[in-house]
Amino acid sequence: MGKFLFVLLFFTAAFISCDKPYEGSPGVGGGLTSNFIAVKDSGFSPMVLKVVNGSTITFVNNTTSAKTLQSADSIIIPKTTIPAGGSYLFKKDTTASFQYYIVSKPTIQGTINLTQ
């Protein structure tokens, strides 16, 4: 019984100590909100997204097959494949407006406007 109690207390203490955040670390994201773009077979939602530069944008593939995205210039968003149910995190620290599309269906496009 004593050994069991010791093991239980040990794992409880380890669990509680792992749950504490490191107080010296800065917050993730720097206070800017994260934005989401749903990738669907019929298009993107939203089709046009206006955000402050430096914000994170997460493309979420809500389809049953992998989708490959790319920006019109192929530089801002290089050819990126998102698996079915997966996501892709995008962040750019500049002001710009650019279009992106699904490579296999170039008529399915979206626009991101990065402002100051």
PDB file of N, CA and C in Angstrom:
ATOM      1  N   MET A   1       0.819  -1.190   0.000  1.00  0.00           N
ATOM      2  CA  MET A   1       0.000   0.000   0.000  1.00  0.00           C
ATOM      3  C   MET A   1       0.864   1.256   0.000  1.00  0.00           C
ATOM      4  N   GLY A   2       1.954   1.259   0.790  1.00  0.00           N
ATOM      5  CA  GLY A   2       2.841   2.415   0.874  1.00  0.00           C
ATOM      6  C   GLY A   2       3.513   2.703  -0.459  1.00  0.00           C
ATOM      7  N   LYS A   3       3.906   1.645  -1.176  1.00  0.00           N
ATOM      8  CA  LYS A   3       4.551   1.803  -2.481  1.00  0.00           C
ATOM      9  C   LYS A   3       3.557   2.398  -3.482  1.00  0.00           C
ATOM     10  N   PHE A   4       2.326   1.941  -3.464  1.00  0.00           N
ATOM     11  CA  PHE A   4       1.291   2.454  -4.353  1.00  0.00           C
ATOM     12  C   PHE A   4       1.054   3.943  -4.097  1.00  0.00           C
ATOM     13  N   LEU A   5       0.965   4.328  -2.824  1.00  0.00           N
ATOM     14  CA  LEU A   5       0.740   5.721  -2.460  1.00  0.00           C
ATOM     15  C   LEU A   5       1.902   6.593  -2.914  1.00  0.00           C
ATOM     16  N   PHE A   6       3.130   6.098  -2.776  1.00  0.00           N
ATOM     17  CA  PHE A   6       4.304   6.832  -3.219  1.00  0.00           C
ATOM     18  C   PHE A   6       4.258   7.069  -4.732  1.00  0.00           C
ATOM     19  N   VAL A   7       3.956   6.021  -5.492  1.00  0.00           N
ATOM     20  CA  VAL A   7       3.878   6.129  -6.949  1.00  0.00           C
ATOM     21  C   VAL A   7       2.768   7.105  -7.347  1.00  0.00           C
ATOM     22  N   LEU A   8       1.631   7.027  -6.697  1.00  0.00           N
ATOM     23  CA  LEU A   8       0.520   7.929  -6.994  1.00  0.00           C
ATOM     24  C   LEU A   8       0.905   9.377  -6.720  1.00  0.00           C
ATOM     25  N   LEU A   9       1.532   9.649  -5.588  1.00  0.00           N
ATOM     26  CA  LEU A   9       1.968  11.004  -5.262  1.00  0.00           C
ATOM     27  C   LEU A   9       3.030  11.503  -6.227  1.00  0.00           C
ATOM     28  N   PHE A  10       3.957  10.626  -6.620  1.00  0.00           N
ATOM     29  CA  PHE A  10       5.015  10.993  -7.560  1.00  0.00           C
ATOM     30  C   PHE A  10       4.430  11.442  -8.894  1.00  0.00           C
ATOM     31  N   PHE A  11       3.520  10.645  -9.467  1.00  0.00           N
ATOM     32  CA  PHE A  11       2.945  10.986 -10.760  1.00  0.00           C
ATOM     33  C   PHE A  11       2.023  12.203 -10.669  1.00  0.00           C
ATOM     34  N   THR A  12       1.335  12.369  -9.552  1.00  0.00           N
ATOM     35  CA  THR A  12       0.502  13.552  -9.364  1.00  0.00           C
ATOM     36  C   THR A  12       1.368  14.800  -9.324  1.00  0.00           C
ATOM     37  N   ALA A  13       2.468  14.776  -8.609  1.00  0.00           N
ATOM     38  CA  ALA A  13       3.374  15.918  -8.534  1.00  0.00           C
ATOM     39  C   ALA A  13       3.992  16.210  -9.894  1.00  0.00           C
ATOM     40  N   ALA A  14       4.372  15.165 -10.610  1.00  0.00           N
ATOM     41  CA  ALA A  14       4.951  15.361 -11.942  1.00  0.00           C
ATOM     42  C   ALA A  14       3.935  15.974 -12.885  1.00  0.00           C
ATOM     43  N   PHE A  15       2.696  15.523 -12.828  1.00  0.00           N
ATOM     44  CA  PHE A  15       1.646  16.057 -13.698  1.00  0.00           C
ATOM     45  C   PHE A  15       1.384  17.521 -13.392  1.00  0.00           C
ATOM     46  N   ILE A  16       1.298  17.879 -12.116  1.00  0.00           N
ATOM     47  CA  ILE A  16       1.020  19.262 -11.736  1.00  0.00           C
ATOM     48  C   ILE A  16       2.178  20.171 -12.137  1.00  0.00           C
ATOM     49  N   SER A  17       3.405  19.729 -11.970  1.00  0.00           N
ATOM     50  CA  SER A  17       4.546  20.575 -12.319  1.00  0.00           C
ATOM     51  C   SER A  17       4.654  20.770 -13.828  1.00  0.00           C
ATOM     52  N   CYS A  18       4.219  19.810 -14.615  1.00  0.00           N
ATOM     53  CA  CYS A  18       4.251  19.950 -16.071  1.00  0.00           C
ATOM     54  C   CYS A  18       3.156  20.876 -16.577  1.00  0.00           C
ATOM     55  N   ASP A  19       2.149  21.108 -15.766  1.00  0.00           N
ATOM     56  CA  ASP A  19       1.025  21.916 -16.175  1.00  0.00           C
ATOM     57  C   ASP A  19       1.292  23.411 -16.026  1.00  0.00           C
ATOM     58  N   LYS A  20       2.339  23.778 -15.280  1.00  0.00           N
ATOM     59  CA  LYS A  20       2.628  25.184 -15.047  1.00  0.00           C
ATOM     60  C   LYS A  20       3.302  25.791 -16.268  1.00  0.00           C
ATOM     61  N   PRO A  21       2.846  26.976 -16.720  1.00  0.00           N
ATOM     62  CA  PRO A  21       3.531  27.630 -17.840  1.00  0.00           C
ATOM     63  C   PRO A  21       4.844  28.240 -17.379  1.00  0.00           C
ATOM     64  N   TYR A  22       5.776  28.337 -18.284  1.00  0.00           N
ATOM     65  CA  TYR A  22       7.033  29.002 -17.997  1.00  0.00           C
ATOM     66  C   TYR A  22       6.752  30.495 -17.987  1.00  0.00           C
ATOM     67  N   GLU A  23       6.931  31.140 -16.828  1.00  0.00           N
ATOM     68  CA  GLU A  23       6.529  32.529 -16.659  1.00  0.00           C
ATOM     69  C   GLU A  23       7.410  33.502 -17.415  1.00  0.00           C
ATOM     70  N   GLY A  24       8.591  33.111 -17.828  1.00  0.00           N
ATOM     71  CA  GLY A  24       9.479  34.021 -18.538  1.00  0.00           C
ATOM     72  C   GLY A  24       9.273  34.027 -20.043  1.00  0.00           C
ATOM     73  N   SER A  25       8.402  33.178 -20.541  1.00  0.00           N
ATOM     74  CA  SER A  25       8.228  33.087 -21.992  1.00  0.00           C
ATOM     75  C   SER A  25       7.189  34.088 -22.479  1.00  0.00           C
ATOM     76  N   PRO A  26       7.413  34.683 -23.644  1.00  0.00           N
ATOM     77  CA  PRO A  26       6.422  35.604 -24.186  1.00  0.00           C
ATOM     78  C   PRO A  26       5.213  34.841 -24.696  1.00  0.00           C
ATOM     79  N   GLY A  27       4.090  35.501 -24.806  1.00  0.00           N
ATOM     80  CA  GLY A  27       2.882  34.877 -25.327  1.00  0.00           C
ATOM     81  C   GLY A  27       3.032  34.517 -26.787  1.00  0.00           C
ATOM     82  N   VAL A  28       2.458  33.445 -27.188  1.00  0.00           N
ATOM     83  CA  VAL A  28       2.520  33.012 -28.579  1.00  0.00           C
ATOM     84  C   VAL A  28       1.627  33.909 -29.415  1.00  0.00           C
ATOM     85  N   GLY A  29       2.125  34.368 -30.549  1.00  0.00           N
ATOM     86  CA  GLY A  29       1.312  35.161 -31.473  1.00  0.00           C
ATOM     87  C   GLY A  29       1.399  36.654 -31.259  1.00  0.00           C
ATOM     88  N   GLY A  30       1.988  37.088 -30.166  1.00  0.00           N
ATOM     89  CA  GLY A  30       2.198  38.512 -29.960  1.00  0.00           C
ATOM     90  C   GLY A  30       0.925  39.326 -29.887  1.00  0.00           C
ATOM     91  N   GLY A  31      -0.196  38.739 -29.560  1.00  0.00           N
ATOM     92  CA  GLY A  31      -1.434  39.491 -29.405  1.00  0.00           C
ATOM     93  C   GLY A  31      -2.254  39.618 -30.670  1.00  0.00           C
ATOM     94  N   LEU A  32      -1.719  39.215 -31.824  1.00  0.00           N
ATOM     95  CA  LEU A  32      -2.500  39.260 -33.052  1.00  0.00           C
ATOM     96  C   LEU A  32      -3.354  38.004 -33.130  1.00  0.00           C
ATOM     97  N   THR A  33      -4.553  38.157 -33.634  1.00  0.00           N
ATOM     98  CA  THR A  33      -5.445  37.007 -33.717  1.00  0.00           C
ATOM     99  C   THR A  33      -5.056  36.087 -34.862  1.00  0.00           C
ATOM    100  N   SER A  34      -5.427  34.831 -34.726  1.00  0.00           N
ATOM    101  CA  SER A  34      -5.220  33.880 -35.799  1.00  0.00           C
ATOM    102  C   SER A  34      -6.466  33.871 -36.668  1.00  0.00           C
ATOM    103  N   ASN A  35      -6.269  33.743 -37.946  1.00  0.00           N
ATOM    104  CA  ASN A  35      -7.367  33.751 -38.905  1.00  0.00           C
ATOM    105  C   ASN A  35      -7.388  32.424 -39.632  1.00  0.00           C
ATOM    106  N   PHE A  36      -8.582  31.994 -40.008  1.00  0.00           N
ATOM    107  CA  PHE A  36      -8.726  30.694 -40.651  1.00  0.00           C
ATOM    108  C   PHE A  36      -9.373  30.846 -42.018  1.00  0.00           C
ATOM    109  N   ILE A  37      -8.875  30.067 -42.975  1.00  0.00           N
ATOM    110  CA  ILE A  37      -9.481  29.971 -44.298  1.00  0.00           C
ATOM    111  C   ILE A  37      -9.792  28.499 -44.519  1.00  0.00           C
ATOM    112  N   ALA A  38     -11.063  28.204 -44.733  1.00  0.00           N
ATOM    113  CA  ALA A  38     -11.479  26.830 -44.996  1.00  0.00           C
ATOM    114  C   ALA A  38     -11.263  26.525 -46.475  1.00  0.00           C
ATOM    115  N   VAL A  39     -10.607  25.414 -46.748  1.00  0.00           N
ATOM    116  CA  VAL A  39     -10.406  24.936 -48.116  1.00  0.00           C
ATOM    117  C   VAL A  39     -11.493  23.906 -48.368  1.00  0.00           C
ATOM    118  N   LYS A  40     -12.334  24.196 -49.367  1.00  0.00           N
ATOM    119  CA  LYS A  40     -13.426  23.289 -49.722  1.00  0.00           C
ATOM    120  C   LYS A  40     -13.285  22.887 -51.178  1.00  0.00           C
ATOM    121  N   ASP A  41     -14.016  21.866 -51.587  1.00  0.00           N
ATOM    122  CA  ASP A  41     -13.990  21.466 -52.999  1.00  0.00           C
ATOM    123  C   ASP A  41     -14.547  22.567 -53.896  1.00  0.00           C
ATOM    124  N   SER A  42     -15.445  23.380 -53.356  1.00  0.00           N
ATOM    125  CA  SER A  42     -16.094  24.428 -54.158  1.00  0.00           C
ATOM    126  C   SER A  42     -15.410  25.779 -54.049  1.00  0.00           C
ATOM    127  N   GLY A  43     -14.423  25.930 -53.166  1.00  0.00           N
ATOM    128  CA  GLY A  43     -13.741  27.207 -53.031  1.00  0.00           C
ATOM    129  C   GLY A  43     -13.179  27.421 -51.645  1.00  0.00           C
ATOM    130  N   PHE A  44     -12.906  28.684 -51.327  1.00  0.00           N
ATOM    131  CA  PHE A  44     -12.346  29.058 -50.037  1.00  0.00           C
ATOM    132  C   PHE A  44     -13.386  29.835 -49.245  1.00  0.00           C
ATOM    133  N   SER A  45     -13.306  29.740 -47.932  1.00  0.00           N
ATOM    134  CA  SER A  45     -14.215  30.498 -47.086  1.00  0.00           C
ATOM    135  C   SER A  45     -13.419  31.094 -45.929  1.00  0.00           C
ATOM    136  N   PRO A  46     -13.257  32.406 -45.893  1.00  0.00           N
ATOM    137  CA  PRO A  46     -13.775  33.400 -46.823  1.00  0.00           C
ATOM    138  C   PRO A  46     -12.934  33.450 -48.094  1.00  0.00           C
ATOM    139  N   MET A  47     -13.519  33.985 -49.144  1.00  0.00           N
ATOM    140  CA  MET A  47     -12.799  34.124 -50.410  1.00  0.00           C
ATOM    141  C   MET A  47     -11.820  35.289 -50.357  1.00  0.00           C
ATOM    142  N   VAL A  48     -12.168  36.337 -49.609  1.00  0.00           N
ATOM    143  CA  VAL A  48     -11.297  37.497 -49.434  1.00  0.00           C
ATOM    144  C   VAL A  48     -11.088  37.693 -47.940  1.00  0.00           C
ATOM    145  N   LEU A  49      -9.826  37.778 -47.540  1.00  0.00           N
ATOM    146  CA  LEU A  49      -9.492  37.966 -46.142  1.00  0.00           C
ATOM    147  C   LEU A  49      -8.606  39.188 -46.013  1.00  0.00           C
ATOM    148  N   LYS A  50      -9.009  40.124 -45.161  1.00  0.00           N
ATOM    149  CA  LYS A  50      -8.222  41.330 -44.891  1.00  0.00           C
ATOM    150  C   LYS A  50      -7.737  41.254 -43.458  1.00  0.00           C
ATOM    151  N   VAL A  51      -6.405  41.238 -43.264  1.00  0.00           N
ATOM    152  CA  VAL A  51      -5.809  41.129 -41.937  1.00  0.00           C
ATOM    153  C   VAL A  51      -4.605  42.047 -41.829  1.00  0.00           C
ATOM    154  N   VAL A  52      -4.179  42.292 -40.603  1.00  0.00           N
ATOM    155  CA  VAL A  52      -2.983  43.082 -40.341  1.00  0.00           C
ATOM    156  C   VAL A  52      -1.762  42.224 -40.636  1.00  0.00           C
ATOM    157  N   ASN A  53      -0.738  42.844 -41.278  1.00  0.00           N
ATOM    158  CA  ASN A  53       0.462  42.062 -41.566  1.00  0.00           C
ATOM    159  C   ASN A  53       1.053  41.526 -40.274  1.00  0.00           C
ATOM    160  N   GLY A  54       1.629  40.353 -40.350  1.00  0.00           N
ATOM    161  CA  GLY A  54       2.156  39.675 -39.169  1.00  0.00           C
ATOM    162  C   GLY A  54       1.155  38.742 -38.512  1.00  0.00           C
ATOM    163  N   SER A  55      -0.105  38.820 -38.924  1.00  0.00           N
ATOM    164  CA  SER A  55      -1.112  37.900 -38.397  1.00  0.00           C
ATOM    165  C   SER A  55      -0.885  36.514 -38.971  1.00  0.00           C
ATOM    166  N   THR A  56      -1.293  35.505 -38.222  1.00  0.00           N
ATOM    167  CA  THR A  56      -1.202  34.159 -38.756  1.00  0.00           C
ATOM    168  C   THR A  56      -2.509  33.806 -39.459  1.00  0.00           C
ATOM    169  N   ILE A  57      -2.370  33.070 -40.519  1.00  0.00           N
ATOM    170  CA  ILE A  57      -3.516  32.590 -41.286  1.00  0.00           C
ATOM    171  C   ILE A  57      -3.350  31.078 -41.397  1.00  0.00           C
ATOM    172  N   THR A  58      -4.367  30.355 -40.987  1.00  0.00           N
ATOM    173  CA  THR A  58      -4.329  28.903 -41.063  1.00  0.00           C
ATOM    174  C   THR A  58      -5.304  28.434 -42.128  1.00  0.00           C
ATOM    175  N   PHE A  59      -4.776  27.779 -43.153  1.00  0.00           N
ATOM    176  CA  PHE A  59      -5.607  27.153 -44.172  1.00  0.00           C
ATOM    177  C   PHE A  59      -5.977  25.773 -43.644  1.00  0.00           C
ATOM    178  N   VAL A  60      -7.272  25.470 -43.567  1.00  0.00           N
ATOM    179  CA  VAL A  60      -7.748  24.184 -43.056  1.00  0.00           C
ATOM    180  C   VAL A  60      -8.424  23.438 -44.203  1.00  0.00           C
ATOM    181  N   ASN A  61      -7.884  22.269 -44.544  1.00  0.00           N
ATOM    182  CA  ASN A  61      -8.427  21.472 -45.639  1.00  0.00           C
ATOM    183  C   ASN A  61      -9.628  20.674 -45.131  1.00  0.00           C
ATOM    184  N   ASN A  62     -10.814  21.118 -45.502  1.00  0.00           N
ATOM    185  CA  ASN A  62     -12.055  20.457 -45.084  1.00  0.00           C
ATOM    186  C   ASN A  62     -12.574  19.488 -46.137  1.00  0.00           C
ATOM    187  N   THR A  63     -11.680  18.917 -46.920  1.00  0.00           N
ATOM    188  CA  THR A  63     -12.085  17.974 -47.958  1.00  0.00           C
ATOM    189  C   THR A  63     -11.541  16.585 -47.630  1.00  0.00           C
ATOM    190  N   THR A  64     -11.902  15.627 -48.462  1.00  0.00           N
ATOM    191  CA  THR A  64     -11.451  14.251 -48.259  1.00  0.00           C
ATOM    192  C   THR A  64     -10.222  13.903 -49.093  1.00  0.00           C
ATOM    193  N   SER A  65      -9.634  14.911 -49.757  1.00  0.00           N
ATOM    194  CA  SER A  65      -8.427  14.668 -50.538  1.00  0.00           C
ATOM    195  C   SER A  65      -7.430  15.805 -50.320  1.00  0.00           C
ATOM    196  N   ALA A  66      -6.166  15.521 -50.582  1.00  0.00           N
ATOM    197  CA  ALA A  66      -5.128  16.541 -50.442  1.00  0.00           C
ATOM    198  C   ALA A  66      -5.365  17.660 -51.449  1.00  0.00           C
ATOM    199  N   LYS A  67      -5.087  18.880 -51.046  1.00  0.00           N
ATOM    200  CA  LYS A  67      -5.218  20.051 -51.925  1.00  0.00           C
ATOM    201  C   LYS A  67      -3.885  20.775 -51.949  1.00  0.00           C
ATOM    202  N   THR A  68      -3.458  21.193 -53.143  1.00  0.00           N
ATOM    203  CA  THR A  68      -2.217  21.935 -53.297  1.00  0.00           C
ATOM    204  C   THR A  68      -2.547  23.382 -53.604  1.00  0.00           C
ATOM    205  N   LEU A  69      -2.022  24.287 -52.766  1.00  0.00           N
ATOM    206  CA  LEU A  69      -2.237  25.724 -52.923  1.00  0.00           C
ATOM    207  C   LEU A  69      -0.975  26.380 -53.443  1.00  0.00           C
ATOM    208  N   GLN A  70      -1.177  27.545 -54.043  1.00  0.00           N
ATOM    209  CA  GLN A  70      -0.043  28.333 -54.506  1.00  0.00           C
ATOM    210  C   GLN A  70      -0.529  29.747 -54.742  1.00  0.00           C
ATOM    211  N   SER A  71       0.322  30.735 -54.430  1.00  0.00           N
ATOM    212  CA  SER A  71      -0.029  32.118 -54.759  1.00  0.00           C
ATOM    213  C   SER A  71       0.196  32.337 -56.250  1.00  0.00           C
ATOM    214  N   ALA A  72      -0.425  33.376 -56.777  1.00  0.00           N
ATOM    215  CA  ALA A  72      -0.321  33.653 -58.215  1.00  0.00           C
ATOM    216  C   ALA A  72       1.129  33.849 -58.648  1.00  0.00           C
ATOM    217  N   ASP A  73       1.964  34.426 -57.763  1.00  0.00           N
ATOM    218  CA  ASP A  73       3.376  34.624 -58.115  1.00  0.00           C
ATOM    219  C   ASP A  73       4.248  33.434 -57.728  1.00  0.00           C
ATOM    220  N   SER A  74       3.690  32.445 -57.080  1.00  0.00           N
ATOM    221  CA  SER A  74       4.354  31.222 -56.587  1.00  0.00           C
ATOM    222  C   SER A  74       5.505  31.503 -55.617  1.00  0.00           C
ATOM    223  N   ILE A  75       5.608  32.744 -55.131  1.00  0.00           N
ATOM    224  CA  ILE A  75       6.666  33.089 -54.183  1.00  0.00           C
ATOM    225  C   ILE A  75       6.092  33.301 -52.786  1.00  0.00           C
ATOM    226  N   ILE A  76       5.035  34.097 -52.674  1.00  0.00           N
ATOM    227  CA  ILE A  76       4.457  34.391 -51.360  1.00  0.00           C
ATOM    228  C   ILE A  76       3.970  33.100 -50.702  1.00  0.00           C
ATOM    229  N   ILE A  77       3.206  32.317 -51.444  1.00  0.00           N
ATOM    230  CA  ILE A  77       2.849  30.965 -50.992  1.00  0.00           C
ATOM    231  C   ILE A  77       3.391  30.016 -52.059  1.00  0.00           C
ATOM    232  N   PRO A  78       4.531  29.380 -51.771  1.00  0.00           N
ATOM    233  CA  PRO A  78       5.033  28.399 -52.734  1.00  0.00           C
ATOM    234  C   PRO A  78       4.084  27.205 -52.787  1.00  0.00           C
ATOM    235  N   LYS A  79       4.223  26.385 -53.789  1.00  0.00           N
ATOM    236  CA  LYS A  79       3.359  25.213 -53.938  1.00  0.00           C
ATOM    237  C   LYS A  79       3.373  24.407 -52.644  1.00  0.00           C
ATOM    238  N   THR A  80       2.200  24.340 -51.986  1.00  0.00           N
ATOM    239  CA  THR A  80       2.068  23.712 -50.682  1.00  0.00           C
ATOM    240  C   THR A  80       0.908  22.732 -50.697  1.00  0.00           C
ATOM    241  N   THR A  81       1.157  21.490 -50.369  1.00  0.00           N
ATOM    242  CA  THR A  81       0.103  20.483 -50.336  1.00  0.00           C
ATOM    243  C   THR A  81      -0.370  20.299 -48.900  1.00  0.00           C
ATOM    244  N   ILE A  82      -1.697  20.408 -48.722  1.00  0.00           N
ATOM    245  CA  ILE A  82      -2.326  20.215 -47.421  1.00  0.00           C
ATOM    246  C   ILE A  82      -3.091  18.896 -47.471  1.00  0.00           C
ATOM    247  N   PRO A  83      -2.747  17.944 -46.613  1.00  0.00           N
ATOM    248  CA  PRO A  83      -3.466  16.659 -46.634  1.00  0.00           C
ATOM    249  C   PRO A  83      -4.926  16.822 -46.223  1.00  0.00           C
ATOM    250  N   ALA A  84      -5.754  15.868 -46.596  1.00  0.00           N
ATOM    251  CA  ALA A  84      -7.169  15.881 -46.207  1.00  0.00           C
ATOM    252  C   ALA A  84      -7.265  15.995 -44.694  1.00  0.00           C
ATOM    253  N   GLY A  85      -8.054  16.946 -44.222  1.00  0.00           N
ATOM    254  CA  GLY A  85      -8.212  17.156 -42.791  1.00  0.00           C
ATOM    255  C   GLY A  85      -7.050  17.880 -42.135  1.00  0.00           C
ATOM    256  N   GLY A  86      -6.018  18.226 -42.903  1.00  0.00           N
ATOM    257  CA  GLY A  86      -4.832  18.884 -42.358  1.00  0.00           C
ATOM    258  C   GLY A  86      -4.909  20.397 -42.462  1.00  0.00           C
ATOM    259  N   SER A  87      -3.818  21.045 -42.099  1.00  0.00           N
ATOM    260  CA  SER A  87      -3.787  22.505 -42.140  1.00  0.00           C
ATOM    261  C   SER A  87      -2.399  22.999 -42.525  1.00  0.00           C
ATOM    262  N   TYR A  88      -2.339  24.283 -42.898  1.00  0.00           N
ATOM    263  CA  TYR A  88      -1.097  24.947 -43.276  1.00  0.00           C
ATOM    264  C   TYR A  88      -1.106  26.327 -42.645  1.00  0.00           C
ATOM    265  N   LEU A  89      -0.066  26.650 -41.888  1.00  0.00           N
ATOM    266  CA  LEU A  89       0.041  27.936 -41.213  1.00  0.00           C
ATOM    267  C   LEU A  89       0.854  28.882 -42.078  1.00  0.00           C
ATOM    268  N   PHE A  90       0.297  30.071 -42.313  1.00  0.00           N
ATOM    269  CA  PHE A  90       0.938  31.071 -43.158  1.00  0.00           C
ATOM    270  C   PHE A  90       1.073  32.368 -42.379  1.00  0.00           C
ATOM    271  N   LYS A  91       2.221  33.027 -42.513  1.00  0.00           N
ATOM    272  CA  LYS A  91       2.445  34.321 -41.873  1.00  0.00           C
ATOM    273  C   LYS A  91       3.397  35.124 -42.737  1.00  0.00           C
ATOM    274  N   LYS A  92       3.058  36.373 -42.988  1.00  0.00           N
ATOM    275  CA  LYS A  92       3.919  37.241 -43.789  1.00  0.00           C
ATOM    276  C   LYS A  92       3.969  38.601 -43.118  1.00  0.00           C
ATOM    277  N   ASP A  93       5.163  39.122 -42.891  1.00  0.00           N
ATOM    278  CA  ASP A  93       5.347  40.415 -42.235  1.00  0.00           C
ATOM    279  C   ASP A  93       5.572  41.520 -43.257  1.00  0.00           C
ATOM    280  N   THR A  94       4.594  41.737 -44.102  1.00  0.00           N
ATOM    281  CA  THR A  94       4.670  42.785 -45.103  1.00  0.00           C
ATOM    282  C   THR A  94       3.263  43.230 -45.465  1.00  0.00           C
ATOM    283  N   THR A  95       3.137  44.375 -46.083  1.00  0.00           N
ATOM    284  CA  THR A  95       1.826  44.777 -46.601  1.00  0.00           C
ATOM    285  C   THR A  95       1.768  44.352 -48.064  1.00  0.00           C
ATOM    286  N   ALA A  96       0.695  43.708 -48.422  1.00  0.00           N
ATOM    287  CA  ALA A  96       0.557  43.197 -49.783  1.00  0.00           C
ATOM    288  C   ALA A  96      -0.878  42.737 -49.996  1.00  0.00           C
ATOM    289  N   SER A  97      -1.224  42.606 -51.238  1.00  0.00           N
ATOM    290  CA  SER A  97      -2.485  41.997 -51.629  1.00  0.00           C
ATOM    291  C   SER A  97      -2.136  40.957 -52.684  1.00  0.00           C
ATOM    292  N   PHE A  98      -2.554  39.729 -52.471  1.00  0.00           N
ATOM    293  CA  PHE A  98      -2.203  38.696 -53.435  1.00  0.00           C
ATOM    294  C   PHE A  98      -3.303  37.657 -53.534  1.00  0.00           C
ATOM    295  N   GLN A  99      -3.308  36.988 -54.677  1.00  0.00           N
ATOM    296  CA  GLN A  99      -4.262  35.918 -54.924  1.00  0.00           C
ATOM    297  C   GLN A  99      -3.553  34.574 -54.785  1.00  0.00           C
ATOM    298  N   TYR A 100      -4.337  33.576 -54.424  1.00  0.00           N
ATOM    299  CA  TYR A 100      -3.850  32.211 -54.350  1.00  0.00           C
ATOM    300  C   TYR A 100      -4.934  31.319 -54.941  1.00  0.00           C
ATOM    301  N   TYR A 101      -4.578  30.093 -55.252  1.00  0.00           N
ATOM    302  CA  TYR A 101      -5.524  29.193 -55.904  1.00  0.00           C
ATOM    303  C   TYR A 101      -5.170  27.747 -55.631  1.00  0.00           C
ATOM    304  N   ILE A 102      -6.112  26.866 -55.952  1.00  0.00           N
ATOM    305  CA  ILE A 102      -5.864  25.422 -55.896  1.00  0.00           C
ATOM    306  C   ILE A 102      -5.231  25.031 -57.223  1.00  0.00           C
ATOM    307  N   VAL A 103      -4.068  24.426 -57.171  1.00  0.00           N
ATOM    308  CA  VAL A 103      -3.283  24.148 -58.377  1.00  0.00           C
ATOM    309  C   VAL A 103      -4.050  23.293 -59.381  1.00  0.00           C
ATOM    310  N   SER A 104      -4.768  22.281 -58.917  1.00  0.00           N
ATOM    311  CA  SER A 104      -5.496  21.404 -59.844  1.00  0.00           C
ATOM    312  C   SER A 104      -6.759  22.059 -60.401  1.00  0.00           C
ATOM    313  N   LYS A 105      -7.229  23.140 -59.776  1.00  0.00           N
ATOM    314  CA  LYS A 105      -8.413  23.879 -60.222  1.00  0.00           C
ATOM    315  C   LYS A 105      -8.120  25.374 -60.120  1.00  0.00           C
ATOM    316  N   PRO A 106      -7.352  25.941 -61.061  1.00  0.00           N
ATOM    317  CA  PRO A 106      -6.908  27.327 -60.958  1.00  0.00           C
ATOM    318  C   PRO A 106      -8.042  28.369 -60.931  1.00  0.00           C
ATOM    319  N   THR A 107      -9.253  27.962 -61.281  1.00  0.00           N
ATOM    320  CA  THR A 107     -10.365  28.912 -61.213  1.00  0.00           C
ATOM    321  C   THR A 107     -10.866  29.093 -59.780  1.00  0.00           C
ATOM    322  N   ILE A 108     -10.486  28.190 -58.872  1.00  0.00           N
ATOM    323  CA  ILE A 108     -10.848  28.332 -57.460  1.00  0.00           C
ATOM    324  C   ILE A 108      -9.763  29.177 -56.806  1.00  0.00           C
ATOM    325  N   GLN A 109     -10.111  30.463 -56.584  1.00  0.00           N
ATOM    326  CA  GLN A 109      -9.135  31.424 -56.092  1.00  0.00           C
ATOM    327  C   GLN A 109      -9.616  32.126 -54.831  1.00  0.00           C
ATOM    328  N   GLY A 110      -8.673  32.685 -54.119  1.00  0.00           N
ATOM    329  CA  GLY A 110      -8.945  33.513 -52.963  1.00  0.00           C
ATOM    330  C   GLY A 110      -7.982  34.681 -52.943  1.00  0.00           C
ATOM    331  N   THR A 111      -8.253  35.661 -52.096  1.00  0.00           N
ATOM    332  CA  THR A 111      -7.400  36.847 -51.997  1.00  0.00           C
ATOM    333  C   THR A 111      -7.124  37.139 -50.534  1.00  0.00           C
ATOM    334  N   ILE A 112      -5.870  37.490 -50.254  1.00  0.00           N
ATOM    335  CA  ILE A 112      -5.481  37.934 -48.919  1.00  0.00           C
ATOM    336  C   ILE A 112      -4.939  39.357 -49.053  1.00  0.00           C
ATOM    337  N   ASN A 113      -5.482  40.260 -48.227  1.00  0.00           N
ATOM    338  CA  ASN A 113      -5.006  41.640 -48.163  1.00  0.00           C
ATOM    339  C   ASN A 113      -4.322  41.816 -46.812  1.00  0.00           C
ATOM    340  N   LEU A 114      -3.010  42.059 -46.829  1.00  0.00           N
ATOM    341  CA  LEU A 114      -2.247  42.309 -45.616  1.00  0.00           C
ATOM    342  C   LEU A 114      -2.068  43.818 -45.473  1.00  0.00           C
ATOM    343  N   THR A 115      -2.574  44.395 -44.385  1.00  0.00           N
ATOM    344  CA  THR A 115      -2.503  45.834 -44.178  1.00  0.00           C
ATOM    345  C   THR A 115      -1.642  46.150 -42.967  1.00  0.00           C
ATOM    346  N   GLN A 116      -1.389  47.439 -42.752  1.00  0.00           N
ATOM    347  CA  GLN A 116      -0.626  47.845 -41.567  1.00  0.00           C
ATOM    348  C   GLN A 116      -1.515  48.032 -40.390  1.00  0.00           C
TER     349      GLN A 116
END
